[in-house]
Amino acid sequence: MKPTNSRPTIWEHAQSKGVSRRDFLTACAWMTAMLGLPVSAVAQVTQALETKPRLPVLWFHFQECTCCSESFIRSAHPLAKDVVLSMLSLDYDDTLMAAAGHQAEEIIADIRKKYKGNFILAVEGNPPLNEEGMYCIHGGRPFVEVLKETARRLLSSVRSYDFVGRYGGEEFLVELNNCDPAYGLTRAEDIRKIIAQRPVQTPGSLVPVTMSLGLLLSQEWGYRPVEELLQEADAALYAAKAAGRNCVKVATPKIQPDAGDIPVPELARRRR
């Protein structure tokens, strides 16, 4: 699995598998359509696949049941061997690869040095937090370091009278006090950008981090139990993850609150 100094382009690799020029051009046209690009972009997509090598993939495993990998290797169509050998360039997967220890770490360092961010990083599982993250060590480093840096960025992105806390394994809860809906949405987007704007520095490497946010505007929900509001905010968070991650989704009440549920100052404001 160790990467070589020279990689064949996607077209060259397709040729080695017996793909005809006609089938290759058909695949380029289909890819252009699936990406929502105009017909005029087919030539650019074709040129890219003719000149660009397959990107290497780093697949990291943290604390999890490995069910994603189990499903992957047991799939019938496509077969795992076809994905690994023909569709992707899977250079690192500590569950599937033979290399371990220093050899595995050398592969990661080699890819980072040669491709300088031009690779795909897949992360399976979550980092535990007890004992300073010592139950999930990757390359001799607790993965919880990434969460700590994320928390520091969160604190630096809110006002002094707002509140930030951890809510669950890798989730944070941010309370923005006395702000209107427009400010709340703007602030959520600002937080998302601050988290994603640069990788987290750990003792051994740089780790890219993004954040999905679920936003709930309390003035739109009236008087509701805190537990219910947290559940709705959590549902919006999962909606953001389902939408591709690294975005903000707003929790919307299914039924508008009755006048009796709206605080008196807010009700007076609406009547003006």
Foldseek 3Di string as FASTA:
>chain_A
DFDDLDAAALVVLCVVVVDDPVNLLVVLQVVCVVVVHDPVCSVVSSVCRNPHGAAEEAEEEWDDDCVVVVCLCPDVVPHNCCCCPRVHVHQYDPVPDPDDDPVRVVSVVVSCVNVVPRHHYHYHDAFAPPPNRPRTADNNHRPCLQLVVLQVLLVVLADPPKDWDADPGRRIDTGHPDDDPVVQQVSVLVSQCSQQVAFDDDPPDTHGDGAAFQAEDVQQVFDDDPVVSVVQRVVQSVVRVVVPGSYYGYRHDPDGDDPVRHDPVVSVVVVD
